[in-house]
Amino acid sequence: MSTLEQTKALAAGTWTADPVHSEIGFRVEYMAGTFRGSFSKFGAEAVDGKLRGTADVASIQVKDPGLEAHLQGPEFFDAERHPELAFESEEIERNGSEITVRGKITIKGQTHPIELTGTIGDPIDDPFGNQRFGLELEGVIDRTAFGITWNNPLPTGEPALANEVKLVAELQLVKAA
């Protein structure tokens, strides 16, 4: 896809995530349900048809603060050696309100391709004199490809934690002045 076509997929110019109205997180099957987490410190921007984002590993949030330290440790994200997760798009396709973003994601120092799909809205004027648009994306990774291999077997011998992790981004991007 040409750069011109990418620019048409995302609104032209520079757009930055509104941190109050945006969220970046993950979901993974654990035992008999779904374990969810998010990052309170992150950045995302769309610049001239490319999408980039980062998340601060030390800002991970889950329902049990005691688990946050475990997730920041070497068995999971290893925040001390790899303080940031990063994403950068390579190709963006839009069909109406549906969007597919192909790019590379870096977790724990390892970079792999990822495809994100979701929905995108057209820019609107907000009540504060800004332009913004909404973007919701989901993608799936195998956490073991990034060196995240911790698990705890169930009594049956099956792993308690799935390898497949769903990444979720719900963004409101605001046009730079």
C-alpha atoms as a PDB file:
ATOM      1  CA  MET A   1       0.000   0.000   0.000  1.00  0.00           C
ATOM      2  CA  SER A   2       1.384   3.415  -0.901  1.00  0.00           C
ATOM      3  CA  THR A   3       2.016   6.182   1.625  1.00  0.00           C
ATOM      4  CA  LEU A   4      -0.805   8.170   0.040  1.00  0.00           C
ATOM      5  CA  GLU A   5      -3.245   5.302   0.660  1.00  0.00           C
ATOM      6  CA  GLN A   6      -2.013   5.000   4.273  1.00  0.00           C
ATOM      7  CA  THR A   7      -2.600   8.707   4.787  1.00  0.00           C
ATOM      8  CA  LYS A   8      -6.185   8.241   3.605  1.00  0.00           C
ATOM      9  CA  ALA A   9      -6.652   5.388   6.116  1.00  0.00           C
ATOM     10  CA  LEU A  10      -5.801   7.758   8.977  1.00  0.00           C
ATOM     11  CA  ALA A  11      -6.579  11.457   9.077  1.00  0.00           C
ATOM     12  CA  ALA A  12      -3.675  13.559   7.801  1.00  0.00           C
ATOM     13  CA  GLY A  13      -1.509  15.487  10.239  1.00  0.00           C
ATOM     14  CA  THR A  14      -0.357  14.706  13.751  1.00  0.00           C
ATOM     15  CA  TRP A  15      -2.788  13.195  16.256  1.00  0.00           C
ATOM     16  CA  THR A  16      -1.960  12.274  19.862  1.00  0.00           C
ATOM     17  CA  ALA A  17      -3.847   9.969  22.238  1.00  0.00           C
ATOM     18  CA  ASP A  18      -5.967  11.682  24.878  1.00  0.00           C
ATOM     19  CA  PRO A  19      -4.777   9.737  27.969  1.00  0.00           C
ATOM     20  CA  VAL A  20      -7.995  10.389  29.903  1.00  0.00           C
ATOM     21  CA  HIS A  21     -10.201   8.869  27.207  1.00  0.00           C
ATOM     22  CA  SER A  22      -7.856   6.141  25.971  1.00  0.00           C
ATOM     23  CA  GLU A  23      -6.710   2.782  27.283  1.00  0.00           C
ATOM     24  CA  ILE A  24      -4.147   0.151  26.333  1.00  0.00           C
ATOM     25  CA  GLY A  25      -4.388  -3.304  27.845  1.00  0.00           C
ATOM     26  CA  PHE A  26      -4.397  -7.050  27.462  1.00  0.00           C
ATOM     27  CA  ARG A  27      -6.509 -10.136  28.151  1.00  0.00           C
ATOM     28  CA  VAL A  28      -5.314 -13.699  28.617  1.00  0.00           C
ATOM     29  CA  GLU A  29      -7.121 -16.869  29.631  1.00  0.00           C
ATOM     30  CA  TYR A  30      -6.103 -17.926  33.126  1.00  0.00           C
ATOM     31  CA  MET A  31      -7.474 -21.012  34.879  1.00  0.00           C
ATOM     32  CA  ALA A  32     -11.266 -20.813  34.437  1.00  0.00           C
ATOM     33  CA  GLY A  33     -11.580 -17.228  33.185  1.00  0.00           C
ATOM     34  CA  THR A  34      -9.917 -14.167  31.720  1.00  0.00           C
ATOM     35  CA  PHE A  35      -7.137 -12.157  33.360  1.00  0.00           C
ATOM     36  CA  ARG A  36      -7.070  -8.479  32.378  1.00  0.00           C
ATOM     37  CA  GLY A  37      -4.503  -5.759  32.731  1.00  0.00           C
ATOM     38  CA  SER A  38      -3.748  -2.286  31.443  1.00  0.00           C
ATOM     39  CA  PHE A  39      -0.989   0.312  31.381  1.00  0.00           C
ATOM     40  CA  SER A  40      -1.622   3.691  33.011  1.00  0.00           C
ATOM     41  CA  LYS A  41       1.323   5.396  31.268  1.00  0.00           C
ATOM     42  CA  PHE A  42       1.356   5.080  27.509  1.00  0.00           C
ATOM     43  CA  GLY A  43       1.564   7.132  24.381  1.00  0.00           C
ATOM     44  CA  ALA A  44       0.056   6.737  20.963  1.00  0.00           C
ATOM     45  CA  GLU A  45       0.150   8.948  17.931  1.00  0.00           C
ATOM     46  CA  ALA A  46      -0.843   8.979  14.310  1.00  0.00           C
ATOM     47  CA  VAL A  47       1.548  11.022  12.186  1.00  0.00           C
ATOM     48  CA  ASP A  48       1.077  11.376   8.453  1.00  0.00           C
ATOM     49  CA  GLY A  49      -0.641   8.015   8.092  1.00  0.00           C
ATOM     50  CA  LYS A  50       1.587   5.986  10.466  1.00  0.00           C
ATOM     51  CA  LEU A  51       0.541   4.766  13.894  1.00  0.00           C
ATOM     52  CA  ARG A  52       3.016   4.431  16.772  1.00  0.00           C
ATOM     53  CA  GLY A  53       2.607   3.626  20.423  1.00  0.00           C
ATOM     54  CA  THR A  54       4.484   2.833  23.616  1.00  0.00           C
ATOM     55  CA  ALA A  55       3.565   1.637  27.102  1.00  0.00           C
ATOM     56  CA  ASP A  56       5.565   1.990  30.306  1.00  0.00           C
ATOM     57  CA  VAL A  57       5.899  -1.521  31.786  1.00  0.00           C
ATOM     58  CA  ALA A  58       6.193  -0.126  35.333  1.00  0.00           C
ATOM     59  CA  SER A  59       2.691   1.348  34.940  1.00  0.00           C
ATOM     60  CA  ILE A  60       1.004  -2.049  34.561  1.00  0.00           C
ATOM     61  CA  GLN A  61      -2.270  -2.263  36.476  1.00  0.00           C
ATOM     62  CA  VAL A  62      -4.201  -5.374  37.478  1.00  0.00           C
ATOM     63  CA  LYS A  63      -6.862  -5.950  40.138  1.00  0.00           C
ATOM     64  CA  ASP A  64      -4.285  -7.312  42.612  1.00  0.00           C
ATOM     65  CA  PRO A  65      -1.419  -4.822  43.154  1.00  0.00           C
ATOM     66  CA  GLY A  66       0.689  -7.696  44.515  1.00  0.00           C
ATOM     67  CA  LEU A  67       0.672  -9.231  41.037  1.00  0.00           C
ATOM     68  CA  GLU A  68       1.916  -6.018  39.435  1.00  0.00           C
ATOM     69  CA  ALA A  69       5.436  -6.591  40.800  1.00  0.00           C
ATOM     70  CA  HIS A  70       5.372 -10.186  39.510  1.00  0.00           C
ATOM     71  CA  LEU A  71       4.329  -8.993  36.032  1.00  0.00           C
ATOM     72  CA  GLN A  72       7.108  -6.369  36.045  1.00  0.00           C
ATOM     73  CA  GLY A  73       9.668  -9.026  37.023  1.00  0.00           C
ATOM     74  CA  PRO A  74      11.919 -11.180  34.823  1.00  0.00           C
ATOM     75  CA  GLU A  75       9.363 -14.007  34.481  1.00  0.00           C
ATOM     76  CA  PHE A  76       7.042 -11.632  32.622  1.00  0.00           C
ATOM     77  CA  PHE A  77       7.856  -8.167  31.226  1.00  0.00           C
ATOM     78  CA  ASP A  78      11.231  -7.615  32.983  1.00  0.00           C
ATOM     79  CA  ALA A  79      10.643  -3.886  33.485  1.00  0.00           C
ATOM     80  CA  GLU A  80      14.134  -3.275  34.813  1.00  0.00           C
ATOM     81  CA  ARG A  81      15.828  -4.415  31.592  1.00  0.00           C
ATOM     82  CA  HIS A  82      12.939  -3.672  29.190  1.00  0.00           C
ATOM     83  CA  PRO A  83      11.000  -0.682  30.558  1.00  0.00           C
ATOM     84  CA  GLU A  84       8.862  -0.092  27.475  1.00  0.00           C
ATOM     85  CA  LEU A  85       6.620  -1.920  25.016  1.00  0.00           C
ATOM     86  CA  ALA A  86       6.505  -0.411  21.519  1.00  0.00           C
ATOM     87  CA  PHE A  87       4.460  -0.659  18.339  1.00  0.00           C
ATOM     88  CA  GLU A  88       4.906   0.866  14.894  1.00  0.00           C
ATOM     89  CA  SER A  89       2.659   0.394  11.882  1.00  0.00           C
ATOM     90  CA  GLU A  90       3.927  -0.640   8.477  1.00  0.00           C
ATOM     91  CA  GLU A  91       0.660  -0.905   6.557  1.00  0.00           C
ATOM     92  CA  ILE A  92      -2.839   0.402   7.234  1.00  0.00           C
ATOM     93  CA  GLU A  93      -5.981  -0.545   5.328  1.00  0.00           C
ATOM     94  CA  ARG A  94      -9.353   1.047   5.904  1.00  0.00           C
ATOM     95  CA  ASN A  95     -12.732  -0.055   4.590  1.00  0.00           C
ATOM     96  CA  GLY A  96     -15.408   2.301   5.906  1.00  0.00           C
ATOM     97  CA  SER A  97     -15.262   2.078   9.695  1.00  0.00           C
ATOM     98  CA  GLU A  98     -13.184  -1.124   9.672  1.00  0.00           C
ATOM     99  CA  ILE A  99      -9.407  -0.900   9.885  1.00  0.00           C
ATOM    100  CA  THR A 100      -6.501  -3.337   9.676  1.00  0.00           C
ATOM    101  CA  VAL A 101      -3.091  -2.252  10.913  1.00  0.00           C
ATOM    102  CA  ARG A 102      -0.023  -4.377  10.258  1.00  0.00           C
ATOM    103  CA  GLY A 103       3.186  -3.551  12.035  1.00  0.00           C
ATOM    104  CA  LYS A 104       5.819  -4.631  14.506  1.00  0.00           C
ATOM    105  CA  ILE A 105       5.529  -4.904  18.260  1.00  0.00           C
ATOM    106  CA  THR A 106       8.428  -5.033  20.680  1.00  0.00           C
ATOM    107  CA  ILE A 107       7.985  -6.695  24.065  1.00  0.00           C
ATOM    108  CA  LYS A 108      10.813  -7.660  26.396  1.00  0.00           C
ATOM    109  CA  GLY A 109      13.383  -6.689  23.769  1.00  0.00           C
ATOM    110  CA  GLN A 110      11.933  -8.975  21.078  1.00  0.00           C
ATOM    111  CA  THR A 111      10.254  -7.591  17.949  1.00  0.00           C
ATOM    112  CA  HIS A 112       7.659  -9.540  15.944  1.00  0.00           C
ATOM    113  CA  PRO A 113       4.987  -8.732  13.360  1.00  0.00           C
ATOM    114  CA  ILE A 114       1.416  -8.213  14.493  1.00  0.00           C
ATOM    115  CA  GLU A 115      -1.895  -7.555  12.779  1.00  0.00           C
ATOM    116  CA  LEU A 116      -4.435  -5.410  14.592  1.00  0.00           C
ATOM    117  CA  THR A 117      -8.041  -5.081  13.475  1.00  0.00           C
ATOM    118  CA  GLY A 118     -10.874  -2.922  14.678  1.00  0.00           C
ATOM    119  CA  THR A 119     -12.898   0.166  14.017  1.00  0.00           C
ATOM    120  CA  ILE A 120     -12.122   3.794  13.297  1.00  0.00           C
ATOM    121  CA  GLY A 121     -14.285   6.886  13.301  1.00  0.00           C
ATOM    122  CA  ASP A 122     -13.973   9.980  11.175  1.00  0.00           C
ATOM    123  CA  PRO A 123     -12.666  13.134  12.855  1.00  0.00           C
ATOM    124  CA  ILE A 124     -15.209  15.197  14.778  1.00  0.00           C
ATOM    125  CA  ASP A 125     -15.083  18.611  16.421  1.00  0.00           C
ATOM    126  CA  ASP A 126     -15.272  18.294  20.197  1.00  0.00           C
ATOM    127  CA  PRO A 127     -16.823  20.887  22.581  1.00  0.00           C
ATOM    128  CA  PHE A 128     -13.351  22.233  23.448  1.00  0.00           C
ATOM    129  CA  GLY A 129     -12.313  23.385  19.978  1.00  0.00           C
ATOM    130  CA  ASN A 130     -10.302  20.283  19.109  1.00  0.00           C
ATOM    131  CA  GLN A 131     -10.645  17.681  16.400  1.00  0.00           C
ATOM    132  CA  ARG A 132     -10.493  14.021  17.444  1.00  0.00           C
ATOM    133  CA  PHE A 133     -11.255  10.563  16.185  1.00  0.00           C
ATOM    134  CA  GLY A 134     -11.754   7.211  17.857  1.00  0.00           C
ATOM    135  CA  LEU A 135      -9.779   4.078  17.112  1.00  0.00           C
ATOM    136  CA  GLU A 136     -10.317   0.635  18.652  1.00  0.00           C
ATOM    137  CA  LEU A 137      -7.840  -2.131  17.840  1.00  0.00           C
ATOM    138  CA  GLU A 138      -7.294  -5.732  18.891  1.00  0.00           C
ATOM    139  CA  GLY A 139      -4.565  -8.181  18.031  1.00  0.00           C
ATOM    140  CA  VAL A 140      -3.294 -11.517  19.278  1.00  0.00           C
ATOM    141  CA  ILE A 141       0.257 -12.522  20.134  1.00  0.00           C
ATOM    142  CA  ASP A 142       1.894 -15.669  21.459  1.00  0.00           C
ATOM    143  CA  ARG A 143       3.580 -14.424  24.633  1.00  0.00           C
ATOM    144  CA  THR A 144       6.201 -17.191  24.472  1.00  0.00           C
ATOM    145  CA  ALA A 145       7.577 -15.646  21.238  1.00  0.00           C
ATOM    146  CA  PHE A 146       8.613 -12.691  23.405  1.00  0.00           C
ATOM    147  CA  GLY A 147      10.285 -14.824  26.067  1.00  0.00           C
ATOM    148  CA  ILE A 148       7.344 -14.703  28.473  1.00  0.00           C
ATOM    149  CA  THR A 149       7.105 -18.364  29.404  1.00  0.00           C
ATOM    150  CA  TRP A 150       6.036 -18.456  33.074  1.00  0.00           C
ATOM    151  CA  ASN A 151       3.206 -20.836  33.851  1.00  0.00           C
ATOM    152  CA  ASN A 152       1.703 -22.733  36.748  1.00  0.00           C
ATOM    153  CA  PRO A 153       0.240 -26.154  35.914  1.00  0.00           C
ATOM    154  CA  LEU A 154      -3.243 -27.117  36.995  1.00  0.00           C
ATOM    155  CA  PRO A 155      -3.687 -30.444  38.851  1.00  0.00           C
ATOM    156  CA  THR A 156      -4.523 -32.000  35.461  1.00  0.00           C
ATOM    157  CA  GLY A 157      -1.101 -30.960  34.156  1.00  0.00           C
ATOM    158  CA  GLU A 158      -2.611 -28.402  31.776  1.00  0.00           C
ATOM    159  CA  PRO A 159      -1.118 -24.903  31.934  1.00  0.00           C
ATOM    160  CA  ALA A 160      -3.049 -22.372  34.011  1.00  0.00           C
ATOM    161  CA  LEU A 161      -2.052 -19.439  31.767  1.00  0.00           C
ATOM    162  CA  ALA A 162      -2.695 -19.448  28.015  1.00  0.00           C
ATOM    163  CA  ASN A 163       0.077 -18.521  25.602  1.00  0.00           C
ATOM    164  CA  GLU A 164      -2.292 -16.513  23.404  1.00  0.00           C
ATOM    165  CA  VAL A 165      -2.729 -12.930  24.625  1.00  0.00           C
ATOM    166  CA  LYS A 166      -5.205 -10.429  23.192  1.00  0.00           C
ATOM    167  CA  LEU A 167      -3.897  -6.868  23.045  1.00  0.00           C
ATOM    168  CA  VAL A 168      -6.502  -4.108  23.144  1.00  0.00           C
ATOM    169  CA  ALA A 169      -6.220  -0.381  22.410  1.00  0.00           C
ATOM    170  CA  GLU A 170      -9.142   2.005  22.754  1.00  0.00           C
ATOM    171  CA  LEU A 171      -7.913   5.416  21.647  1.00  0.00           C
ATOM    172  CA  GLN A 172      -9.236   8.910  21.182  1.00  0.00           C
ATOM    173  CA  LEU A 173      -6.671  10.787  19.124  1.00  0.00           C
ATOM    174  CA  VAL A 174      -6.620  14.594  19.191  1.00  0.00           C
ATOM    175  CA  LYS A 175      -5.204  16.702  16.372  1.00  0.00           C
ATOM    176  CA  ALA A 176      -2.127  18.726  17.276  1.00  0.00           C
ATOM    177  CA  ALA A 177      -2.627  22.467  17.048  1.00  0.00           C
END
